[in-house]
Protein backbone atom coordinates (compact mmCIF):
# COMPACT_ATOMS: atom_id res chain seq x y z
CA MET A 1 -10.47 82.51 149.36
CA LEU A 2 -11.48 78.88 149.74
CA ASP A 3 -14.96 77.45 150.18
CA CYS A 4 -14.48 73.85 151.32
CA TYR A 5 -16.90 70.93 151.43
CA GLY A 6 -16.96 67.44 152.93
CA SER A 7 -14.62 67.82 155.90
CA PRO A 8 -15.36 65.65 158.94
CA LYS A 9 -17.63 67.29 161.51
CA SER A 10 -15.21 66.34 164.29
CA ILE A 11 -12.44 68.43 162.71
CA LEU A 12 -14.68 71.40 161.97
CA ALA A 13 -15.98 71.45 165.56
CA ASP A 14 -12.53 71.32 167.17
CA VAL A 15 -11.44 74.70 168.60
CA SER A 16 -7.92 73.41 169.36
CA PHE A 17 -7.51 72.09 165.81
CA LEU A 18 -8.51 75.44 164.30
CA TYR A 19 -6.08 77.22 166.64
CA GLU A 20 -3.29 74.88 165.50
CA VAL A 21 -4.02 75.57 161.81
CA LEU A 22 -4.07 79.34 162.31
CA ASN A 23 -0.89 79.14 164.36
CA GLU A 24 1.01 77.09 161.72
CA LEU A 25 -0.25 78.55 158.43
CA PRO A 26 1.46 81.97 158.57
CA ASP A 27 4.91 80.36 158.90
CA ILE A 28 4.14 77.87 156.12
CA ILE A 29 3.37 80.67 153.64
CA GLY A 30 6.08 83.06 154.83
CA MET A 31 3.91 85.47 156.82
CA HIS A 32 4.54 87.00 160.24
CA LYS A 33 2.07 86.60 163.13
CA ILE A 34 1.62 89.74 165.21
CA MET A 35 -0.65 88.04 167.75
CA PRO A 36 -1.67 84.51 168.68
CA PRO A 37 -4.77 83.19 166.90
CA TYR A 38 -8.16 84.03 168.40
CA VAL A 39 -10.59 81.11 168.06
CA PHE A 40 -14.07 80.60 169.49
CA ARG A 41 -17.22 78.51 169.11
CA TYR A 42 -20.43 80.31 168.19
CA ASP A 43 -24.07 79.28 168.18
CA SER A 44 -26.64 80.64 165.74
CA LYS A 45 -29.95 81.55 167.34
CA GLU A 46 -31.74 81.91 163.97
CA ILE A 47 -30.47 78.72 162.29
CA PRO A 48 -29.36 76.15 164.91
CA GLU A 49 -27.35 74.04 162.43
CA ASP A 50 -25.20 77.09 161.58
CA TRP A 51 -23.19 76.77 164.79
CA GLY A 52 -19.46 76.44 164.30
CA VAL A 53 -15.98 77.59 165.11
CA SER A 54 -14.40 80.80 163.88
CA GLY A 55 -10.86 82.02 164.16
CA VAL A 56 -8.55 84.75 162.98
CA VAL A 57 -4.86 85.44 163.19
CA LEU A 58 -3.51 88.90 162.48
CA ILE A 59 -0.35 88.90 160.43
CA ALA A 60 1.93 91.81 159.57
CA GLU A 61 0.71 91.37 156.00
CA SER A 62 -3.02 91.51 157.04
CA HIS A 63 -5.02 88.48 158.35
CA ILE A 64 -6.17 84.89 157.93
CA ALA A 65 -9.74 83.96 158.92
CA ILE A 66 -11.55 80.60 159.04
CA HIS A 67 -15.25 79.96 159.70
CA THR A 68 -16.62 76.42 160.06
CA TYR A 69 -20.12 74.94 159.84
CA PRO A 70 -19.72 71.36 161.18
CA GLU A 71 -23.34 70.27 160.57
CA LYS A 72 -22.96 71.22 156.91
CA GLU A 73 -19.40 69.82 156.60
CA TYR A 74 -18.43 73.23 155.18
CA PHE A 75 -15.91 75.94 156.00
CA THR A 76 -14.39 79.07 154.52
CA VAL A 77 -10.84 80.39 154.57
CA ASP A 78 -9.78 83.93 153.70
CA ILE A 79 -6.10 84.75 153.44
CA PHE A 80 -5.83 88.48 152.96
CA SER A 81 -2.29 89.68 152.30
CA CYS A 82 -0.55 92.71 150.87
CA LYS A 83 2.42 90.39 150.19
CA GLU A 84 2.48 87.72 147.52
CA PHE A 85 2.64 84.12 148.76
CA ASP A 86 2.50 80.61 147.37
CA LEU A 87 -1.22 80.05 146.81
CA GLU A 88 -0.76 76.38 145.95
CA LYS A 89 1.16 75.70 149.16
CA ALA A 90 -1.60 77.36 151.20
CA LYS A 91 -4.34 75.40 149.38
CA GLU A 92 -2.52 72.08 149.74
CA TYR A 93 -1.97 72.62 153.47
CA ILE A 94 -5.63 73.50 154.12
CA ILE A 95 -7.06 70.74 151.92
CA ASP A 96 -4.82 68.13 153.55
CA LYS A 97 -5.32 69.28 157.17
CA PHE A 98 -9.12 69.50 156.90
CA LYS A 99 -9.51 66.38 154.71
CA VAL A 100 -11.44 68.43 152.14
CA LYS A 101 -13.40 66.47 149.53
CA ARG A 102 -14.28 69.40 147.24
CA TYR A 103 -13.47 73.10 147.17
CA GLU A 104 -13.96 76.35 145.30
CA PHE A 105 -10.98 78.70 145.00
CA HIS A 106 -11.24 82.45 144.40
CA HIS A 107 -8.28 84.78 143.99
CA ILE A 108 -8.70 88.54 143.89
CA ASP A 109 -5.87 91.01 143.31
CA ARG A 110 -6.48 94.06 145.46
CA GLY A 111 -4.72 97.38 145.79
CA LEU A 112 -3.24 97.24 142.32
CA GLU A 113 -2.16 100.90 142.63
CA PHE A 114 -1.03 100.64 146.26
CA PRO A 115 2.61 101.82 146.41
CA ARG A 116 4.74 98.99 147.81
CA SER A 117 7.30 101.52 149.06
CA MET A 118 7.47 105.28 149.42
CA ALA A 119 10.15 105.28 146.70
CA GLU A 120 7.37 104.35 144.27
CA VAL A 121 5.28 107.43 145.12
């Protein structure tokens, strides 16, 4: 998980840009898309400055989701995978593409007892 700060509003508001990122990232980290990315703009009725762009791409290994808040120059990325991947490569790609000034990184190991194959059961 990445919480990213300081990206240009123009990037964070760009639906096509977010689609491009979600379309490229699975290949970059060795994942397999099972559908094209789904990306849309949303508007918050409660807090007007919380409008943004959200997108998700389903991958055979789970999913990648991004939510942007252009007015706050902030966005989040969740890469959820049952397969190990190069975390540094994913971070570098995202930080570079979005021109991130500062970020927080969180890694959680899930399913520690999940059998990777039926032979393990």
